C-alpha atoms as a PDB file:
ATOM      1  CA  UNK A   1      -0.066   0.060  -0.124  1.00  0.00           C
ATOM      2  CA  UNK A   2       1.073   3.626  -0.760  1.00  0.00           C
ATOM      3  CA  UNK A   3       0.110   4.423   2.466  1.00  0.00           C
ATOM      4  CA  UNK A   4       2.815   2.975   4.116  1.00  0.00           C
ATOM      5  CA  UNK A   5       5.491   4.491   2.350  1.00  0.00           C
ATOM      6  CA  UNK A   6       7.847   6.646   3.756  1.00  0.00           C
ATOM      7  CA  UNK A   7       7.960  10.452   2.480  1.00  0.00           C
ATOM      8  CA  UNK A   8      11.715  10.833   3.606  1.00  0.00           C
ATOM      9  CA  UNK A   9      13.754  12.997   0.882  1.00  0.00           C
ATOM     10  CA  UNK A  10      13.699  10.731  -2.402  1.00  0.00           C
ATOM     11  CA  UNK A  11      16.743  10.236  -4.337  1.00  0.00           C
ATOM     12  CA  UNK A  12      16.835  12.283  -7.799  1.00  0.00           C
ATOM     13  CA  UNK A  13      17.235   9.144  -9.677  1.00  0.00           C
ATOM     14  CA  UNK A  14      13.643   8.296 -10.117  1.00  0.00           C
ATOM     15  CA  UNK A  15      12.883   7.660 -14.073  1.00  0.00           C
ATOM     16  CA  UNK A  16       9.613   7.176 -15.228  1.00  0.00           C
ATOM     17  CA  UNK A  17       7.845   6.004 -18.631  1.00  0.00           C
ATOM     18  CA  UNK A  18       4.417   6.217 -19.848  1.00  0.00           C
ATOM     19  CA  UNK A  19       2.335   4.012 -22.273  1.00  0.00           C
ATOM     20  CA  UNK A  20       0.554   6.421 -24.418  1.00  0.00           C
ATOM     21  CA  UNK A  21      -1.863   4.666 -26.567  1.00  0.00           C
ATOM     22  CA  UNK A  22       0.892   2.381 -27.718  1.00  0.00           C
ATOM     23  CA  UNK A  23       3.560   4.563 -27.546  1.00  0.00           C
ATOM     24  CA  UNK A  24       6.285   4.503 -24.989  1.00  0.00           C
ATOM     25  CA  UNK A  25       7.234   7.790 -23.528  1.00  0.00           C
ATOM     26  CA  UNK A  26      10.193   8.550 -21.505  1.00  0.00           C
ATOM     27  CA  UNK A  27      10.105  11.111 -18.632  1.00  0.00           C
ATOM     28  CA  UNK A  28      13.713  11.084 -18.003  1.00  0.00           C
ATOM     29  CA  UNK A  29      13.853  14.520 -19.809  1.00  0.00           C
ATOM     30  CA  UNK A  30      10.945  16.357 -18.428  1.00  0.00           C
ATOM     31  CA  UNK A  31       8.017  17.653 -21.020  1.00  0.00           C
ATOM     32  CA  UNK A  32       6.319  20.448 -21.440  1.00  0.00           C
ATOM     33  CA  UNK A  33       2.516  20.261 -22.004  1.00  0.00           C
ATOM     34  CA  UNK A  34       1.119  23.173 -23.671  1.00  0.00           C
ATOM     35  CA  UNK A  35      -2.552  24.498 -22.843  1.00  0.00           C
ATOM     36  CA  UNK A  36      -5.281  24.657 -25.893  1.00  0.00           C
ATOM     37  CA  UNK A  37      -8.276  26.117 -24.077  1.00  0.00           C
ATOM     38  CA  UNK A  38     -11.331  25.470 -26.673  1.00  0.00           C
ATOM     39  CA  UNK A  39     -13.498  27.499 -24.154  1.00  0.00           C
ATOM     40  CA  UNK A  40     -15.012  31.020 -24.661  1.00  0.00           C
ATOM     41  CA  UNK A  41     -14.898  31.749 -20.845  1.00  0.00           C
ATOM     42  CA  UNK A  42     -11.277  30.789 -19.850  1.00  0.00           C
ATOM     43  CA  UNK A  43      -9.698  33.328 -17.537  1.00  0.00           C
ATOM     44  CA  UNK A  44      -6.886  34.334 -19.639  1.00  0.00           C
ATOM     45  CA  UNK A  45      -7.736  33.047 -23.171  1.00  0.00           C
ATOM     46  CA  UNK A  46     -11.293  32.620 -23.405  1.00  0.00           C
ATOM     47  CA  UNK A  47     -12.601  32.833 -26.782  1.00  0.00           C
ATOM     48  CA  UNK A  48      -9.049  32.550 -28.534  1.00  0.00           C
ATOM     49  CA  UNK A  49      -8.978  29.124 -29.956  1.00  0.00           C
ATOM     50  CA  UNK A  50     -12.469  27.794 -29.712  1.00  0.00           C
ATOM     51  CA  UNK A  51     -12.843  27.299 -33.726  1.00  0.00           C
ATOM     52  CA  UNK A  52     -11.261  24.148 -35.386  1.00  0.00           C
ATOM     53  CA  UNK A  53      -9.044  26.747 -37.675  1.00  0.00           C
ATOM     54  CA  UNK A  54      -7.683  28.800 -34.684  1.00  0.00           C
ATOM     55  CA  UNK A  55      -7.221  25.534 -32.420  1.00  0.00           C
ATOM     56  CA  UNK A  56      -5.037  24.058 -35.236  1.00  0.00           C
ATOM     57  CA  UNK A  57      -3.097  27.350 -35.562  1.00  0.00           C
ATOM     58  CA  UNK A  58      -2.470  27.314 -32.081  1.00  0.00           C
ATOM     59  CA  UNK A  59      -1.654  23.452 -31.781  1.00  0.00           C
ATOM     60  CA  UNK A  60       0.953  24.287 -34.435  1.00  0.00           C
ATOM     61  CA  UNK A  61       2.446  27.171 -32.483  1.00  0.00           C
ATOM     62  CA  UNK A  62       2.505  25.122 -29.364  1.00  0.00           C
ATOM     63  CA  UNK A  63       4.521  22.193 -31.019  1.00  0.00           C
ATOM     64  CA  UNK A  64       6.735  24.545 -32.667  1.00  0.00           C
ATOM     65  CA  UNK A  65       7.927  26.186 -29.499  1.00  0.00           C
ATOM     66  CA  UNK A  66       8.680  22.779 -27.852  1.00  0.00           C
ATOM     67  CA  UNK A  67       5.450  21.369 -26.325  1.00  0.00           C
ATOM     68  CA  UNK A  68       5.320  17.773 -26.747  1.00  0.00           C
ATOM     69  CA  UNK A  69       1.904  17.107 -25.227  1.00  0.00           C
ATOM     70  CA  UNK A  70      -1.391  19.242 -26.190  1.00  0.00           C
ATOM     71  CA  UNK A  71      -3.861  19.413 -23.348  1.00  0.00           C
ATOM     72  CA  UNK A  72      -7.349  20.037 -24.796  1.00  0.00           C
ATOM     73  CA  UNK A  73      -9.924  21.826 -22.362  1.00  0.00           C
ATOM     74  CA  UNK A  74     -13.477  22.197 -23.746  1.00  0.00           C
ATOM     75  CA  UNK A  75     -14.501  23.432 -20.360  1.00  0.00           C
ATOM     76  CA  UNK A  76     -13.203  26.169 -18.146  1.00  0.00           C
ATOM     77  CA  UNK A  77     -12.635  25.491 -14.392  1.00  0.00           C
ATOM     78  CA  UNK A  78     -12.349  28.903 -13.363  1.00  0.00           C
ATOM     79  CA  UNK A  79     -14.362  30.178 -10.412  1.00  0.00           C
ATOM     80  CA  UNK A  80     -17.891  31.013 -11.197  1.00  0.00           C
ATOM     81  CA  UNK A  81     -17.215  29.426 -15.263  1.00  0.00           C
ATOM     82  CA  UNK A  82     -20.153  27.954 -17.310  1.00  0.00           C
ATOM     83  CA  UNK A  83     -20.936  24.338 -16.235  1.00  0.00           C
ATOM     84  CA  UNK A  84     -21.292  22.081 -19.219  1.00  0.00           C
ATOM     85  CA  UNK A  85     -22.426  18.680 -19.952  1.00  0.00           C
ATOM     86  CA  UNK A  86     -20.341  15.961 -21.192  1.00  0.00           C
ATOM     87  CA  UNK A  87     -22.439  16.299 -24.484  1.00  0.00           C
ATOM     88  CA  UNK A  88     -21.818  19.707 -24.666  1.00  0.00           C
ATOM     89  CA  UNK A  89     -18.285  19.143 -24.061  1.00  0.00           C
ATOM     90  CA  UNK A  90     -18.136  16.787 -26.924  1.00  0.00           C
ATOM     91  CA  UNK A  91     -19.909  18.906 -29.095  1.00  0.00           C
ATOM     92  CA  UNK A  92     -17.444  21.767 -28.598  1.00  0.00           C
ATOM     93  CA  UNK A  93     -14.587  19.241 -29.278  1.00  0.00           C
ATOM     94  CA  UNK A  94     -15.938  18.506 -32.849  1.00  0.00           C
ATOM     95  CA  UNK A  95     -13.122  17.179 -35.098  1.00  0.00           C
ATOM     96  CA  UNK A  96     -10.505  19.220 -33.132  1.00  0.00           C
ATOM     97  CA  UNK A  97      -8.613  16.171 -31.601  1.00  0.00           C
ATOM     98  CA  UNK A  98      -8.813  13.922 -34.870  1.00  0.00           C
ATOM     99  CA  UNK A  99      -7.521  17.087 -37.226  1.00  0.00           C
ATOM    100  CA  UNK A 100      -4.583  17.542 -34.553  1.00  0.00           C
ATOM    101  CA  UNK A 101      -3.588  14.102 -34.892  1.00  0.00           C
ATOM    102  CA  UNK A 102      -4.043  14.223 -38.509  1.00  0.00           C
ATOM    103  CA  UNK A 103      -1.904  17.480 -38.888  1.00  0.00           C
ATOM    104  CA  UNK A 104       0.602  16.334 -36.432  1.00  0.00           C
ATOM    105  CA  UNK A 105       1.350  12.907 -35.805  1.00  0.00           C
ATOM    106  CA  UNK A 106       4.226  13.357 -33.344  1.00  0.00           C
ATOM    107  CA  UNK A 107       1.789  15.229 -30.813  1.00  0.00           C
ATOM    108  CA  UNK A 108       0.785  13.744 -27.529  1.00  0.00           C
ATOM    109  CA  UNK A 109      -2.813  14.561 -26.853  1.00  0.00           C
ATOM    110  CA  UNK A 110      -4.298  15.002 -23.371  1.00  0.00           C
ATOM    111  CA  UNK A 111      -8.217  15.631 -22.771  1.00  0.00           C
ATOM    112  CA  UNK A 112      -8.970  17.856 -19.926  1.00  0.00           C
ATOM    113  CA  UNK A 113     -12.210  16.838 -18.590  1.00  0.00           C
ATOM    114  CA  UNK A 114     -13.798  15.029 -15.625  1.00  0.00           C
ATOM    115  CA  UNK A 115     -16.400  12.961 -17.610  1.00  0.00           C
ATOM    116  CA  UNK A 116     -16.074   9.599 -18.574  1.00  0.00           C
ATOM    117  CA  UNK A 117     -17.886  10.066 -21.595  1.00  0.00           C
ATOM    118  CA  UNK A 118     -15.796  12.723 -23.063  1.00  0.00           C
ATOM    119  CA  UNK A 119     -13.011  10.499 -22.276  1.00  0.00           C
ATOM    120  CA  UNK A 120     -14.673   7.691 -24.177  1.00  0.00           C
ATOM    121  CA  UNK A 121     -15.196  10.248 -27.316  1.00  0.00           C
ATOM    122  CA  UNK A 122     -11.887  11.541 -27.100  1.00  0.00           C
ATOM    123  CA  UNK A 123     -10.212   7.893 -26.966  1.00  0.00           C
ATOM    124  CA  UNK A 124     -11.976   7.065 -30.065  1.00  0.00           C
ATOM    125  CA  UNK A 125     -10.712  10.308 -31.607  1.00  0.00           C
ATOM    126  CA  UNK A 126      -7.025   9.693 -30.645  1.00  0.00           C
ATOM    127  CA  UNK A 127      -6.190  11.064 -27.349  1.00  0.00           C
ATOM    128  CA  UNK A 128      -3.352   9.674 -25.578  1.00  0.00           C
ATOM    129  CA  UNK A 129      -3.720  10.739 -22.172  1.00  0.00           C
ATOM    130  CA  UNK A 130      -6.341  11.595 -19.497  1.00  0.00           C
ATOM    131  CA  UNK A 131      -6.234  14.790 -17.439  1.00  0.00           C
ATOM    132  CA  UNK A 132      -9.179  14.681 -14.880  1.00  0.00           C
ATOM    133  CA  UNK A 133      -8.632  17.509 -12.577  1.00  0.00           C
ATOM    134  CA  UNK A 134     -11.574  15.720 -10.225  1.00  0.00           C
ATOM    135  CA  UNK A 135      -9.434  12.620  -9.110  1.00  0.00           C
ATOM    136  CA  UNK A 136     -12.686  10.539  -9.971  1.00  0.00           C
ATOM    137  CA  UNK A 137     -14.843  12.526  -7.680  1.00  0.00           C
ATOM    138  CA  UNK A 138     -17.260  14.682 -10.105  1.00  0.00           C
ATOM    139  CA  UNK A 139     -18.000  11.186 -12.400  1.00  0.00           C
ATOM    140  CA  UNK A 140     -18.174   7.832 -10.812  1.00  0.00           C
ATOM    141  CA  UNK A 141     -17.228   6.033 -13.891  1.00  0.00           C
ATOM    142  CA  UNK A 142     -13.651   8.202 -14.713  1.00  0.00           C
ATOM    143  CA  UNK A 143     -11.345   5.419 -12.894  1.00  0.00           C
ATOM    144  CA  UNK A 144     -13.182   2.428 -14.936  1.00  0.00           C
ATOM    145  CA  UNK A 145     -12.780   4.329 -18.035  1.00  0.00           C
ATOM    146  CA  UNK A 146      -9.231   4.698 -17.377  1.00  0.00           C
ATOM    147  CA  UNK A 147      -8.742   1.379 -16.806  1.00  0.00           C
ATOM    148  CA  UNK A 148     -10.942   0.744 -20.104  1.00  0.00           C
ATOM    149  CA  UNK A 149      -8.551   2.348 -21.985  1.00  0.00           C
ATOM    150  CA  UNK A 150      -5.561   1.881 -20.189  1.00  0.00           C
ATOM    151  CA  UNK A 151      -4.222   5.522 -21.078  1.00  0.00           C
ATOM    152  CA  UNK A 152      -2.309   7.632 -18.705  1.00  0.00           C
ATOM    153  CA  UNK A 153      -4.206   8.889 -16.115  1.00  0.00           C
ATOM    154  CA  UNK A 154      -3.438  12.509 -14.486  1.00  0.00           C
ATOM    155  CA  UNK A 155      -4.544  12.797 -11.033  1.00  0.00           C
ATOM    156  CA  UNK A 156      -5.520  16.051  -9.448  1.00  0.00           C
ATOM    157  CA  UNK A 157      -5.754  16.884  -5.964  1.00  0.00           C
ATOM    158  CA  UNK A 158      -8.996  18.639  -5.618  1.00  0.00           C
ATOM    159  CA  UNK A 159     -11.962  19.142  -3.119  1.00  0.00           C
ATOM    160  CA  UNK A 160     -14.336  16.376  -3.020  1.00  0.00           C
ATOM    161  CA  UNK A 161     -16.995  18.368  -5.223  1.00  0.00           C
ATOM    162  CA  UNK A 162     -17.899  20.819  -8.222  1.00  0.00           C
ATOM    163  CA  UNK A 163     -19.603  23.232  -6.172  1.00  0.00           C
ATOM    164  CA  UNK A 164     -16.347  23.346  -3.648  1.00  0.00           C
ATOM    165  CA  UNK A 165     -13.359  22.988  -5.974  1.00  0.00           C
ATOM    166  CA  UNK A 166     -12.765  26.664  -5.408  1.00  0.00           C
ATOM    167  CA  UNK A 167     -13.316  26.566  -1.574  1.00  0.00           C
ATOM    168  CA  UNK A 168     -10.228  27.735   0.290  1.00  0.00           C
ATOM    169  CA  UNK A 169      -9.416  25.247   2.862  1.00  0.00           C
ATOM    170  CA  UNK A 170      -6.646  25.731   5.315  1.00  0.00           C
ATOM    171  CA  UNK A 171      -4.988  22.634   5.933  1.00  0.00           C
ATOM    172  CA  UNK A 172      -2.902  21.613   9.050  1.00  0.00           C
ATOM    173  CA  UNK A 173      -0.221  20.126   6.927  1.00  0.00           C
ATOM    174  CA  UNK A 174      -0.826  20.561   2.955  1.00  0.00           C
ATOM    175  CA  UNK A 175       2.003  17.970   2.050  1.00  0.00           C
ATOM    176  CA  UNK A 176       0.604  15.396   4.181  1.00  0.00           C
ATOM    177  CA  UNK A 177      -2.960  15.907   3.201  1.00  0.00           C
ATOM    178  CA  UNK A 178      -1.813  15.921  -0.510  1.00  0.00           C
ATOM    179  CA  UNK A 179       0.022  12.470   0.186  1.00  0.00           C
ATOM    180  CA  UNK A 180      -2.794  11.205   2.043  1.00  0.00           C
ATOM    181  CA  UNK A 181      -5.081  11.921  -0.685  1.00  0.00           C
ATOM    182  CA  UNK A 182      -2.670  10.836  -3.692  1.00  0.00           C
ATOM    183  CA  UNK A 183      -1.905   7.461  -1.397  1.00  0.00           C
ATOM    184  CA  UNK A 184      -5.940   6.773  -1.602  1.00  0.00           C
ATOM    185  CA  UNK A 185      -6.745   7.479  -4.758  1.00  0.00           C
ATOM    186  CA  UNK A 186      -3.479   5.875  -6.717  1.00  0.00           C
ATOM    187  CA  UNK A 187      -4.531   2.807  -4.802  1.00  0.00           C
ATOM    188  CA  UNK A 188      -7.957   2.705  -6.005  1.00  0.00           C
ATOM    189  CA  UNK A 189      -6.543   3.210  -9.885  1.00  0.00           C
ATOM    190  CA  UNK A 190      -4.028   0.518  -9.349  1.00  0.00           C
ATOM    191  CA  UNK A 191      -6.509  -1.918  -8.118  1.00  0.00           C
ATOM    192  CA  UNK A 192      -8.807  -1.202 -11.172  1.00  0.00           C
ATOM    193  CA  UNK A 193      -5.447  -2.024 -13.340  1.00  0.00           C
ATOM    194  CA  UNK A 194      -4.455   1.657 -14.069  1.00  0.00           C
ATOM    195  CA  UNK A 195      -0.782   1.571 -13.715  1.00  0.00           C
ATOM    196  CA  UNK A 196       0.402   4.762 -15.503  1.00  0.00           C
ATOM    197  CA  UNK A 197      -0.557   7.367 -13.006  1.00  0.00           C
ATOM    198  CA  UNK A 198       0.446  11.328 -12.906  1.00  0.00           C
ATOM    199  CA  UNK A 199       0.228  13.020 -10.024  1.00  0.00           C
ATOM    200  CA  UNK A 200      -0.849  16.874 -10.225  1.00  0.00           C
ATOM    201  CA  UNK A 201      -0.714  18.534  -6.565  1.00  0.00           C
ATOM    202  CA  UNK A 202      -3.545  20.832  -7.929  1.00  0.00           C
ATOM    203  CA  UNK A 203      -1.944  24.278  -7.687  1.00  0.00           C
ATOM    204  CA  UNK A 204      -4.739  27.179  -8.043  1.00  0.00           C
ATOM    205  CA  UNK A 205      -7.553  24.780  -6.634  1.00  0.00           C
ATOM    206  CA  UNK A 206      -9.079  25.183  -3.247  1.00  0.00           C
ATOM    207  CA  UNK A 207      -5.790  26.302  -1.316  1.00  0.00           C
ATOM    208  CA  UNK A 208      -4.450  29.339   0.344  1.00  0.00           C
ATOM    209  CA  UNK A 209      -1.515  31.217  -1.024  1.00  0.00           C
ATOM    210  CA  UNK A 210       0.442  30.394   1.749  1.00  0.00           C
ATOM    211  CA  UNK A 211      -0.424  26.528   1.389  1.00  0.00           C
ATOM    212  CA  UNK A 212       0.581  26.638  -2.156  1.00  0.00           C
ATOM    213  CA  UNK A 213       4.121  28.527  -1.545  1.00  0.00           C
ATOM    214  CA  UNK A 214       4.430  25.869   1.215  1.00  0.00           C
ATOM    215  CA  UNK A 215       3.881  23.143  -1.792  1.00  0.00           C
ATOM    216  CA  UNK A 216       6.030  24.933  -3.879  1.00  0.00           C
ATOM    217  CA  UNK A 217       8.917  24.318  -1.264  1.00  0.00           C
ATOM    218  CA  UNK A 218       8.093  20.762  -0.831  1.00  0.00           C
ATOM    219  CA  UNK A 219       7.534  19.652  -4.230  1.00  0.00           C
ATOM    220  CA  UNK A 220      10.310  16.784  -4.169  1.00  0.00           C
ATOM    221  CA  UNK A 221       8.276  15.270  -0.980  1.00  0.00           C
ATOM    222  CA  UNK A 222       5.001  15.071  -3.125  1.00  0.00           C
ATOM    223  CA  UNK A 223       3.797  11.480  -4.446  1.00  0.00           C
ATOM    224  CA  UNK A 224       6.799   9.702  -2.861  1.00  0.00           C
ATOM    225  CA  UNK A 225       8.582   9.633  -6.068  1.00  0.00           C
ATOM    226  CA  UNK A 226       6.625   6.558  -7.245  1.00  0.00           C
ATOM    227  CA  UNK A 227       4.892   8.395  -9.772  1.00  0.00           C
ATOM    228  CA  UNK A 228       5.664  11.482 -12.092  1.00  0.00           C
ATOM    229  CA  UNK A 229       4.623  14.777 -11.002  1.00  0.00           C
ATOM    230  CA  UNK A 230       2.712  17.136 -13.215  1.00  0.00           C
ATOM    231  CA  UNK A 231       3.122  21.155 -12.147  1.00  0.00           C
ATOM    232  CA  UNK A 232       0.276  23.394 -13.335  1.00  0.00           C
ATOM    233  CA  UNK A 233       1.139  26.950 -12.106  1.00  0.00           C
ATOM    234  CA  UNK A 234       1.132  28.863 -15.510  1.00  0.00           C
ATOM    235  CA  UNK A 235      -1.460  32.201 -15.123  1.00  0.00           C
ATOM    236  CA  UNK A 236      -2.235  31.055 -11.517  1.00  0.00           C
ATOM    237  CA  UNK A 237      -3.869  33.735  -8.739  1.00  0.00           C
ATOM    238  CA  UNK A 238      -1.294  32.744  -6.178  1.00  0.00           C
ATOM    239  CA  UNK A 239       1.479  34.018  -8.269  1.00  0.00           C
ATOM    240  CA  UNK A 240      -0.171  37.444  -9.606  1.00  0.00           C
ATOM    241  CA  UNK A 241      -2.465  38.375  -6.737  1.00  0.00           C
ATOM    242  CA  UNK A 242       0.096  39.021  -4.051  1.00  0.00           C
ATOM    243  CA  UNK A 243       2.253  40.697  -6.684  1.00  0.00           C
ATOM    244  CA  UNK A 244      -0.376  43.175  -7.959  1.00  0.00           C
ATOM    245  CA  UNK A 245      -0.097  41.965 -11.462  1.00  0.00           C
ATOM    246  CA  UNK A 246      -2.199  40.315 -14.229  1.00  0.00           C
ATOM    247  CA  UNK A 247      -2.080  36.882 -15.175  1.00  0.00           C
ATOM    248  CA  UNK A 248      -0.471  37.449 -18.458  1.00  0.00           C
ATOM    249  CA  UNK A 249       2.253  39.938 -16.485  1.00  0.00           C
ATOM    250  CA  UNK A 250       3.966  37.373 -14.254  1.00  0.00           C
ATOM    251  CA  UNK A 251       6.132  35.212 -16.709  1.00  0.00           C
ATOM    252  CA  UNK A 252       9.415  36.039 -15.068  1.00  0.00           C
ATOM    253  CA  UNK A 253       8.094  34.810 -11.766  1.00  0.00           C
ATOM    254  CA  UNK A 254       6.621  31.954 -13.116  1.00  0.00           C
ATOM    255  CA  UNK A 255       9.923  30.594 -14.862  1.00  0.00           C
ATOM    256  CA  UNK A 256      11.672  31.035 -11.515  1.00  0.00           C
ATOM    257  CA  UNK A 257       9.109  28.646 -10.161  1.00  0.00           C
ATOM    258  CA  UNK A 258       9.317  26.476 -12.810  1.00  0.00           C
ATOM    259  CA  UNK A 259      12.945  25.819 -12.537  1.00  0.00           C
ATOM    260  CA  UNK A 260      12.599  25.626  -8.818  1.00  0.00           C
ATOM    261  CA  UNK A 261       9.880  22.530  -9.229  1.00  0.00           C
ATOM    262  CA  UNK A 262      12.260  20.978 -11.949  1.00  0.00           C
ATOM    263  CA  UNK A 263      15.046  21.000  -9.561  1.00  0.00           C
ATOM    264  CA  UNK A 264      12.857  19.272  -7.181  1.00  0.00           C
ATOM    265  CA  UNK A 265      12.169  16.350  -9.857  1.00  0.00           C
ATOM    266  CA  UNK A 266       8.856  17.638 -11.650  1.00  0.00           C
ATOM    267  CA  UNK A 267       8.357  15.821 -14.934  1.00  0.00           C
ATOM    268  CA  UNK A 268       5.903  17.770 -16.814  1.00  0.00           C
ATOM    269  CA  UNK A 269       4.917  21.517 -16.829  1.00  0.00           C
ATOM    270  CA  UNK A 270       1.461  22.338 -18.229  1.00  0.00           C
ATOM    271  CA  UNK A 271       1.791  25.816 -19.408  1.00  0.00           C
ATOM    272  CA  UNK A 272       0.202  28.581 -21.605  1.00  0.00           C
ATOM    273  CA  UNK A 273       3.982  30.163 -22.629  1.00  0.00           C
ATOM    274  CA  UNK A 274       5.675  27.381 -24.178  1.00  0.00           C
ATOM    275  CA  UNK A 275       8.556  29.023 -25.352  1.00  0.00           C
ATOM    276  CA  UNK A 276       9.638  30.610 -22.360  1.00  0.00           C
ATOM    277  CA  UNK A 277       9.060  27.102 -20.368  1.00  0.00           C
ATOM    278  CA  UNK A 278      11.349  25.532 -22.987  1.00  0.00           C
ATOM    279  CA  UNK A 279      13.896  28.120 -22.260  1.00  0.00           C
ATOM    280  CA  UNK A 280      13.652  27.443 -18.600  1.00  0.00           C
ATOM    281  CA  UNK A 281      13.924  23.532 -19.249  1.00  0.00           C
ATOM    282  CA  UNK A 282      17.177  24.060 -21.474  1.00  0.00           C
ATOM    283  CA  UNK A 283      18.873  26.158 -19.162  1.00  0.00           C
ATOM    284  CA  UNK A 284      17.880  23.688 -16.188  1.00  0.00           C
ATOM    285  CA  UNK A 285      19.127  20.660 -18.401  1.00  0.00           C
ATOM    286  CA  UNK A 286      22.151  22.288 -19.221  1.00  0.00           C
ATOM    287  CA  UNK A 287      23.395  22.906 -15.459  1.00  0.00           C
ATOM    288  CA  UNK A 288      22.335  19.346 -14.371  1.00  0.00           C
END
């Protein structure tokens, strides 16, 4: 059981690989995941890429700048966003996944949804990875579809309901609580036969600024290094609000934090500004 594992400081030798729809992806070199929001209401880029043409143009840009994974999001999860059904998500996606796979076969496609039905559709269109912000809590069938498709599953720490997703909770020890959650959920996934699990501590979801900064300093202790870590801090309010800046004006601060989590073993960076993250990754690899 994962819950019996020590959370002593891990070694730097942890290496991981993922079976992405039959394609073996090694994570010895960290990967950049570029964000492609198909939404009209995402907090920083809503409405920019919600047509097939604009989505394809943006996908090409992300890949050229250095992304190896494209994370497609048909529904915004910002506070007070419009709540969509799985049917509406699927209609919004349309042919975009299959078009990207056809135009850019080297791209890995992650689908950002908490609906099993949307994943089933995406799997038939060719996705390579599941990005479920809910940890299987908003759709009871999600873990089953992950097992059925055998796709890598991104497990994010989040509050237990859609309505409470952004409720700020002050944790006694955020790292301990996130690890407890990871232990429970990863055990459930493993029991169902899901073996390619990626952990996302859920920056920007129901956590105080102080707790998120504590997590930033303790990334190396998250998940026991039994699974690769994905870090998604791009344009998050815990960075820009204390600085009195906008989400589009914190690139320098974000790259410093990206470097910090890379030094602590993060394997995937989920970002809007791919070129800047790629440069950060390149500098990190040169100095290793």
